[in-house]
Amino acid sequence: MTNKIVVLLSLVFILFSCQNDDQKRIAENKKEIQKREVILKNIEKGWVFYDTPVTEAAENSLANWNEWRVFFVELAQKPKKTIGSFQQKSKAITKKAMALNDNIPGAYSIPAIKSRISTVVAKTQMLDLYINLDNIPDKKVVKLIAEINLELVSLQRQMEKTVDKSKIPVEVGESDLIKMRDASRAIPNVIIDENIPRVE
């Protein structure tokens, strides 16, 4: 009889402890859902890219540089209201940013522009990394979006400077001076051996 009572009490105890675990799990799930909703709202509010060119040179490049145009089209499309759609969008933006290196127009194929493109690619890759973490750091994501916008403005201003420089006419003799300053074209220094007699 006492064994039956002990078994019955044990079953009642186990039943109550399971209920408490279920309630804790439900409460934790609610907190996690609320946290993800707050993160989503913060990311959604901060997801504002400069999706139109800010300089004339950048705008003219939309017609000639297909990768540039596709990148801006990708930036202009805001994802739907789920974390998954923001994750997919960040992947797409990174892919389009990396494609900017493929067919850079000749006028822009200079180190100053290539380095700025590399910076934009690195920032978009960081954005993609942060937004795909289990614990998404929403403040870092929003900060990165602002940094990407600054890098885009810097890139476009450099494009404008490059166009402006190309419009400056070359002065007479300037091209010869540039050639003379090229170290690869310079006459090598020859060491003269003192033991060899000179012919006069």
Foldseek 3Di string as FASTA:
>chain_A
DVVVVVVVVVVVVVVVVVVVVVVVVVVVVVVVVVLQLVLLVLLLVLLQAPLAFPDPLLNVVLVVPVLSVVLSVLSVDDFDRDLVRVLVSLVVNLVSLVCCVPCPDPLQPDPVLVVLSVVLNVLSVVLNVQSPDPNRPSVVNSVSSVVSRVSSNVNSVVSVVSVVVVPDDDDPCNVVVVVDPDPVPDDDDDDDDPPDDDDD
